[in-house]
Amino acid sequence: MSKRGINFLDEWMAENLPDTITDDPIAIGALADRALEAARKAGIASTEISEEVPSVFEVIAEAMARHDAMP
């Protein structure tokens, strides 16, 4: 298991998810692609992230939905 991968994803989302919430799958897919590219550039293989989460897309979509539900 790679805590490094999940920690990277958590930090990336905190810094890069837009303030404008969307449920558009194309926009969420683009964010997932950007996250994985940033991980690669940081020397973190996508497998290090996928060991912790089954889908970066789903994690980002869930984070956006939770953010939208916040008062």
PDB file of N, CA and C in Angstrom:
ATOM      1  N   MET A   1       0.831  -1.183   0.000  1.00  0.00           N
ATOM      2  CA  MET A   1       0.000   0.000   0.000  1.00  0.00           C
ATOM      3  C   MET A   1       0.877   1.248   0.000  1.00  0.00           C
ATOM      4  N   SER A   2       0.401   2.274  -0.650  1.00  0.00           N
ATOM      5  CA  SER A   2       1.194   3.491  -0.773  1.00  0.00           C
ATOM      6  C   SER A   2       0.476   4.683  -0.149  1.00  0.00           C
ATOM      7  N   LYS A   3       0.886   5.016   1.031  1.00  0.00           N
ATOM      8  CA  LYS A   3       0.353   6.233   1.662  1.00  0.00           C
ATOM      9  C   LYS A   3       0.830   7.462   0.895  1.00  0.00           C
ATOM     10  N   ARG A   4       2.001   7.355   0.285  1.00  0.00           N
ATOM     11  CA  ARG A   4       2.538   8.470  -0.494  1.00  0.00           C
ATOM     12  C   ARG A   4       1.572   8.835  -1.616  1.00  0.00           C
ATOM     13  N   GLY A   5       0.997   7.842  -2.274  1.00  0.00           N
ATOM     14  CA  GLY A   5       0.064   8.091  -3.370  1.00  0.00           C
ATOM     15  C   GLY A   5      -1.201   8.790  -2.908  1.00  0.00           C
ATOM     16  N   ILE A   6      -1.795   8.295  -1.828  1.00  0.00           N
ATOM     17  CA  ILE A   6      -3.038   8.899  -1.345  1.00  0.00           C
ATOM     18  C   ILE A   6      -2.774  10.275  -0.752  1.00  0.00           C
ATOM     19  N   ASN A   7      -1.639  10.434  -0.090  1.00  0.00           N
ATOM     20  CA  ASN A   7      -1.300  11.757   0.448  1.00  0.00           C
ATOM     21  C   ASN A   7      -1.134  12.770  -0.682  1.00  0.00           C
ATOM     22  N   PHE A   8      -0.483  12.344  -1.772  1.00  0.00           N
ATOM     23  CA  PHE A   8      -0.324  13.234  -2.918  1.00  0.00           C
ATOM     24  C   PHE A   8      -1.695  13.635  -3.455  1.00  0.00           C
ATOM     25  N   LEU A   9      -2.583  12.664  -3.635  1.00  0.00           N
ATOM     26  CA  LEU A   9      -3.904  12.953  -4.187  1.00  0.00           C
ATOM     27  C   LEU A   9      -4.677  13.903  -3.273  1.00  0.00           C
ATOM     28  N   ASP A  10      -4.638  13.671  -1.973  1.00  0.00           N
ATOM     29  CA  ASP A  10      -5.316  14.566  -1.026  1.00  0.00           C
ATOM     30  C   ASP A  10      -4.795  15.994  -1.155  1.00  0.00           C
ATOM     31  N   GLU A  11      -3.486  16.139  -1.169  1.00  0.00           N
ATOM     32  CA  GLU A  11      -2.884  17.472  -1.272  1.00  0.00           C
ATOM     33  C   GLU A  11      -3.201  18.118  -2.621  1.00  0.00           C
ATOM     34  N   TRP A  12      -3.138  17.319  -3.688  1.00  0.00           N
ATOM     35  CA  TRP A  12      -3.426  17.852  -5.016  1.00  0.00           C
ATOM     36  C   TRP A  12      -4.864  18.370  -5.072  1.00  0.00           C
ATOM     37  N   MET A  13      -5.801  17.587  -4.551  1.00  0.00           N
ATOM     38  CA  MET A  13      -7.200  18.016  -4.582  1.00  0.00           C
ATOM     39  C   MET A  13      -7.397  19.289  -3.760  1.00  0.00           C
ATOM     40  N   ALA A  14      -6.769  19.373  -2.602  1.00  0.00           N
ATOM     41  CA  ALA A  14      -6.908  20.570  -1.766  1.00  0.00           C
ATOM     42  C   ALA A  14      -6.414  21.816  -2.495  1.00  0.00           C
ATOM     43  N   GLU A  15      -5.399  21.659  -3.301  1.00  0.00           N
ATOM     44  CA  GLU A  15      -4.809  22.801  -4.000  1.00  0.00           C
ATOM     45  C   GLU A  15      -5.420  23.072  -5.374  1.00  0.00           C
ATOM     46  N   ASN A  16      -6.035  22.065  -5.987  1.00  0.00           N
ATOM     47  CA  ASN A  16      -6.405  22.197  -7.394  1.00  0.00           C
ATOM     48  C   ASN A  16      -7.874  22.050  -7.733  1.00  0.00           C
ATOM     49  N   LEU A  17      -8.699  21.575  -6.821  1.00  0.00           N
ATOM     50  CA  LEU A  17     -10.112  21.478  -7.173  1.00  0.00           C
ATOM     51  C   LEU A  17     -10.677  22.886  -7.260  1.00  0.00           C
ATOM     52  N   PRO A  18     -11.480  23.133  -8.279  1.00  0.00           N
ATOM     53  CA  PRO A  18     -12.002  24.487  -8.465  1.00  0.00           C
ATOM     54  C   PRO A  18     -13.025  24.846  -7.391  1.00  0.00           C
ATOM     55  N   ASP A  19     -13.173  26.138  -7.158  1.00  0.00           N
ATOM     56  CA  ASP A  19     -14.194  26.609  -6.226  1.00  0.00           C
ATOM     57  C   ASP A  19     -15.585  26.406  -6.808  1.00  0.00           C
ATOM     58  N   THR A  20     -15.677  26.415  -8.116  1.00  0.00           N
ATOM     59  CA  THR A  20     -16.944  26.173  -8.784  1.00  0.00           C
ATOM     60  C   THR A  20     -17.169  24.670  -8.874  1.00  0.00           C
ATOM     61  N   ILE A  21     -18.234  24.214  -8.286  1.00  0.00           N
ATOM     62  CA  ILE A  21     -18.529  22.785  -8.229  1.00  0.00           C
ATOM     63  C   ILE A  21     -19.194  22.357  -9.534  1.00  0.00           C
ATOM     64  N   THR A  22     -18.850  21.172  -9.979  1.00  0.00           N
ATOM     65  CA  THR A  22     -19.451  20.636 -11.196  1.00  0.00           C
ATOM     66  C   THR A  22     -19.703  19.146 -11.032  1.00  0.00           C
ATOM     67  N   ASP A  23     -20.737  18.675 -11.695  1.00  0.00           N
ATOM     68  CA  ASP A  23     -20.960  17.233 -11.769  1.00  0.00           C
ATOM     69  C   ASP A  23     -20.768  16.756 -13.212  1.00  0.00           C
ATOM     70  N   ASP A  24     -20.179  17.612 -14.028  1.00  0.00           N
ATOM     71  CA  ASP A  24     -19.904  17.296 -15.429  1.00  0.00           C
ATOM     72  C   ASP A  24     -18.811  16.233 -15.505  1.00  0.00           C
ATOM     73  N   PRO A  25     -19.134  15.043 -16.020  1.00  0.00           N
ATOM     74  CA  PRO A  25     -18.139  13.973 -16.067  1.00  0.00           C
ATOM     75  C   PRO A  25     -16.912  14.309 -16.918  1.00  0.00           C
ATOM     76  N   ILE A  26     -17.079  15.140 -17.923  1.00  0.00           N
ATOM     77  CA  ILE A  26     -15.926  15.519 -18.751  1.00  0.00           C
ATOM     78  C   ILE A  26     -14.969  16.397 -17.948  1.00  0.00           C
ATOM     79  N   ALA A  27     -15.505  17.347 -17.204  1.00  0.00           N
ATOM     80  CA  ALA A  27     -14.665  18.215 -16.376  1.00  0.00           C
ATOM     81  C   ALA A  27     -13.985  17.412 -15.270  1.00  0.00           C
ATOM     82  N   ILE A  28     -14.715  16.501 -14.651  1.00  0.00           N
ATOM     83  CA  ILE A  28     -14.138  15.671 -13.589  1.00  0.00           C
ATOM     84  C   ILE A  28     -13.063  14.759 -14.170  1.00  0.00           C
ATOM     85  N   GLY A  29     -13.308  14.215 -15.353  1.00  0.00           N
ATOM     86  CA  GLY A  29     -12.307  13.379 -16.017  1.00  0.00           C
ATOM     87  C   GLY A  29     -11.036  14.153 -16.315  1.00  0.00           C
ATOM     88  N   ALA A  30     -11.195  15.407 -16.740  1.00  0.00           N
ATOM     89  CA  ALA A  30     -10.024  16.249 -17.014  1.00  0.00           C
ATOM     90  C   ALA A  30      -9.240  16.509 -15.728  1.00  0.00           C
ATOM     91  N   LEU A  31      -9.938  16.733 -14.624  1.00  0.00           N
ATOM     92  CA  LEU A  31      -9.264  16.922 -13.335  1.00  0.00           C
ATOM     93  C   LEU A  31      -8.516  15.657 -12.925  1.00  0.00           C
ATOM     94  N   ALA A  32      -9.137  14.506 -13.132  1.00  0.00           N
ATOM     95  CA  ALA A  32      -8.480  13.235 -12.800  1.00  0.00           C
ATOM     96  C   ALA A  32      -7.214  13.055 -13.634  1.00  0.00           C
ATOM     97  N   ASP A  33      -7.305  13.378 -14.909  1.00  0.00           N
ATOM     98  CA  ASP A  33      -6.125  13.290 -15.778  1.00  0.00           C
ATOM     99  C   ASP A  33      -5.021  14.228 -15.304  1.00  0.00           C
ATOM    100  N   ARG A  34      -5.404  15.444 -14.919  1.00  0.00           N
ATOM    101  CA  ARG A  34      -4.415  16.413 -14.425  1.00  0.00           C
ATOM    102  C   ARG A  34      -3.759  15.921 -13.140  1.00  0.00           C
ATOM    103  N   ALA A  35      -4.551  15.312 -12.263  1.00  0.00           N
ATOM    104  CA  ALA A  35      -4.004  14.795 -11.003  1.00  0.00           C
ATOM    105  C   ALA A  35      -2.994  13.687 -11.268  1.00  0.00           C
ATOM    106  N   LEU A  36      -3.322  12.771 -12.158  1.00  0.00           N
ATOM    107  CA  LEU A  36      -2.411  11.667 -12.459  1.00  0.00           C
ATOM    108  C   LEU A  36      -1.151  12.159 -13.165  1.00  0.00           C
ATOM    109  N   GLU A  37      -1.286  13.166 -14.011  1.00  0.00           N
ATOM    110  CA  GLU A  37      -0.113  13.743 -14.679  1.00  0.00           C
ATOM    111  C   GLU A  37       0.785  14.443 -13.660  1.00  0.00           C
ATOM    112  N   ALA A  38       0.189  15.164 -12.738  1.00  0.00           N
ATOM    113  CA  ALA A  38       0.974  15.831 -11.692  1.00  0.00           C
ATOM    114  C   ALA A  38       1.684  14.799 -10.820  1.00  0.00           C
ATOM    115  N   ALA A  39       1.011  13.702 -10.528  1.00  0.00           N
ATOM    116  CA  ALA A  39       1.636  12.632  -9.741  1.00  0.00           C
ATOM    117  C   ALA A  39       2.829  12.062 -10.498  1.00  0.00           C
ATOM    118  N   ARG A  40       2.644  11.809 -11.784  1.00  0.00           N
ATOM    119  CA  ARG A  40       3.735  11.268 -12.596  1.00  0.00           C
ATOM    120  C   ARG A  40       4.931  12.211 -12.572  1.00  0.00           C
ATOM    121  N   LYS A  41       4.665  13.498 -12.730  1.00  0.00           N
ATOM    122  CA  LYS A  41       5.749  14.484 -12.720  1.00  0.00           C
ATOM    123  C   LYS A  41       6.442  14.549 -11.360  1.00  0.00           C
ATOM    124  N   ALA A  42       5.708  14.205 -10.302  1.00  0.00           N
ATOM    125  CA  ALA A  42       6.283  14.202  -8.950  1.00  0.00           C
ATOM    126  C   ALA A  42       6.970  12.876  -8.627  1.00  0.00           C
ATOM    127  N   GLY A  43       6.978  11.971  -9.616  1.00  0.00           N
ATOM    128  CA  GLY A  43       7.644  10.686  -9.414  1.00  0.00           C
ATOM    129  C   GLY A  43       6.779   9.641  -8.739  1.00  0.00           C
ATOM    130  N   ILE A  44       5.468   9.841  -8.769  1.00  0.00           N
ATOM    131  CA  ILE A  44       4.534   8.904  -8.150  1.00  0.00           C
ATOM    132  C   ILE A  44       3.781   8.182  -9.262  1.00  0.00           C
ATOM    133  N   ALA A  45       3.943   6.878  -9.315  1.00  0.00           N
ATOM    134  CA  ALA A  45       3.270   6.079 -10.341  1.00  0.00           C
ATOM    135  C   ALA A  45       1.771   6.007 -10.050  1.00  0.00           C
ATOM    136  N   SER A  46       0.977   5.901 -11.100  1.00  0.00           N
ATOM    137  CA  SER A  46      -0.471   5.799 -10.917  1.00  0.00           C
ATOM    138  C   SER A  46      -0.841   4.581 -10.080  1.00  0.00           C
ATOM    139  N   THR A  47      -0.004   3.545 -10.122  1.00  0.00           N
ATOM    140  CA  THR A  47      -0.284   2.358  -9.309  1.00  0.00           C
ATOM    141  C   THR A  47      -0.207   2.658  -7.821  1.00  0.00           C
ATOM    142  N   GLU A  48       0.629   3.631  -7.435  1.00  0.00           N
ATOM    143  CA  GLU A  48       0.703   4.002  -6.023  1.00  0.00           C
ATOM    144  C   GLU A  48      -0.609   4.629  -5.555  1.00  0.00           C
ATOM    145  N   ILE A  49      -1.290   5.302  -6.449  1.00  0.00           N
ATOM    146  CA  ILE A  49      -2.586   5.895  -6.108  1.00  0.00           C
ATOM    147  C   ILE A  49      -3.675   4.836  -6.195  1.00  0.00           C
ATOM    148  N   SER A  50      -3.636   4.014  -7.237  1.00  0.00           N
ATOM    149  CA  SER A  50      -4.689   3.009  -7.413  1.00  0.00           C
ATOM    150  C   SER A  50      -4.636   1.905  -6.363  1.00  0.00           C
ATOM    151  N   GLU A  51      -3.519   1.778  -5.652  1.00  0.00           N
ATOM    152  CA  GLU A  51      -3.467   0.838  -4.531  1.00  0.00           C
ATOM    153  C   GLU A  51      -4.360   1.310  -3.394  1.00  0.00           C
ATOM    154  N   GLU A  52      -4.583   2.604  -3.313  1.00  0.00           N
ATOM    155  CA  GLU A  52      -5.363   3.190  -2.227  1.00  0.00           C
ATOM    156  C   GLU A  52      -6.795   3.521  -2.629  1.00  0.00           C
ATOM    157  N   VAL A  53      -7.002   3.930  -3.868  1.00  0.00           N
ATOM    158  CA  VAL A  53      -8.345   4.283  -4.337  1.00  0.00           C
ATOM    159  C   VAL A  53      -8.600   3.586  -5.669  1.00  0.00           C
ATOM    160  N   PRO A  54      -9.791   3.042  -5.859  1.00  0.00           N
ATOM    161  CA  PRO A  54     -10.061   2.328  -7.107  1.00  0.00           C
ATOM    162  C   PRO A  54     -10.176   3.243  -8.323  1.00  0.00           C
ATOM    163  N   SER A  55     -10.582   4.510  -8.103  1.00  0.00           N
ATOM    164  CA  SER A  55     -10.804   5.409  -9.233  1.00  0.00           C
ATOM    165  C   SER A  55     -10.568   6.855  -8.806  1.00  0.00           C
ATOM    166  N   VAL A  56      -9.601   7.496  -9.425  1.00  0.00           N
ATOM    167  CA  VAL A  56      -9.345   8.911  -9.143  1.00  0.00           C
ATOM    168  C   VAL A  56     -10.561   9.735  -9.552  1.00  0.00           C
ATOM    169  N   PHE A  57     -11.194   9.366 -10.654  1.00  0.00           N
ATOM    170  CA  PHE A  57     -12.411  10.042 -11.111  1.00  0.00           C
ATOM    171  C   PHE A  57     -13.461  10.033 -10.008  1.00  0.00           C
ATOM    172  N   GLU A  58     -13.721   8.860  -9.428  1.00  0.00           N
ATOM    173  CA  GLU A  58     -14.743   8.738  -8.383  1.00  0.00           C
ATOM    174  C   GLU A  58     -14.381   9.539  -7.140  1.00  0.00           C
ATOM    175  N   VAL A  59     -13.113   9.536  -6.765  1.00  0.00           N
ATOM    176  CA  VAL A  59     -12.679  10.288  -5.587  1.00  0.00           C
ATOM    177  C   VAL A  59     -12.917  11.781  -5.804  1.00  0.00           C
ATOM    178  N   ILE A  60     -12.576  12.275  -6.985  1.00  0.00           N
ATOM    179  CA  ILE A  60     -12.776  13.695  -7.274  1.00  0.00           C
ATOM    180  C   ILE A  60     -14.265  14.019  -7.349  1.00  0.00           C
ATOM    181  N   ALA A  61     -15.051  13.160  -7.992  1.00  0.00           N
ATOM    182  CA  ALA A  61     -16.495  13.388  -8.081  1.00  0.00           C
ATOM    183  C   ALA A  61     -17.115  13.425  -6.684  1.00  0.00           C
ATOM    184  N   GLU A  62     -16.694  12.515  -5.815  1.00  0.00           N
ATOM    185  CA  GLU A  62     -17.214  12.480  -4.446  1.00  0.00           C
ATOM    186  C   GLU A  62     -16.804  13.738  -3.677  1.00  0.00           C
ATOM    187  N   ALA A  63     -15.573  14.166  -3.849  1.00  0.00           N
ATOM    188  CA  ALA A  63     -15.106  15.378  -3.168  1.00  0.00           C
ATOM    189  C   ALA A  63     -15.905  16.597  -3.632  1.00  0.00           C
ATOM    190  N   MET A  64     -16.181  16.659  -4.913  1.00  0.00           N
ATOM    191  CA  MET A  64     -16.962  17.775  -5.444  1.00  0.00           C
ATOM    192  C   MET A  64     -18.384  17.734  -4.886  1.00  0.00           C
ATOM    193  N   ALA A  65     -18.977  16.553  -4.806  1.00  0.00           N
ATOM    194  CA  ALA A  65     -20.334  16.419  -4.279  1.00  0.00           C
ATOM    195  C   ALA A  65     -20.381  16.802  -2.800  1.00  0.00           C
ATOM    196  N   ARG A  66     -19.380  16.377  -2.033  1.00  0.00           N
ATOM    197  CA  ARG A  66     -19.334  16.736  -0.603  1.00  0.00           C
ATOM    198  C   ARG A  66     -19.177  18.239  -0.441  1.00  0.00           C
ATOM    199  N   HIS A  67     -18.327  18.837  -1.259  1.00  0.00           N
ATOM    200  CA  HIS A  67     -18.105  20.284  -1.183  1.00  0.00           C
ATOM    201  C   HIS A  67     -19.394  21.036  -1.506  1.00  0.00           C
ATOM    202  N   ASP A  68     -20.138  20.528  -2.475  1.00  0.00           N
ATOM    203  CA  ASP A  68     -21.392  21.155  -2.885  1.00  0.00           C
ATOM    204  C   ASP A  68     -22.428  21.066  -1.777  1.00  0.00           C
ATOM    205  N   ALA A  69     -22.386  20.009  -0.982  1.00  0.00           N
ATOM    206  CA  ALA A  69     -23.369  19.802   0.077  1.00  0.00           C
ATOM    207  C   ALA A  69     -23.068  20.627   1.327  1.00  0.00           C
ATOM    208  N   MET A  70     -21.874  21.194   1.400  1.00  0.00           N
ATOM    209  CA  MET A  70     -21.491  21.979   2.572  1.00  0.00           C
ATOM    210  C   MET A  70     -22.233  23.312   2.568  1.00  0.00           C
ATOM    211  N   PRO A  71     -22.668  23.771   3.759  1.00  0.00           N
ATOM    212  CA  PRO A  71     -23.405  25.051   3.821  1.00  0.00           C
ATOM    213  C   PRO A  71     -22.516  26.232   3.542  1.00  0.00           C
TER     214      PRO A  71
END
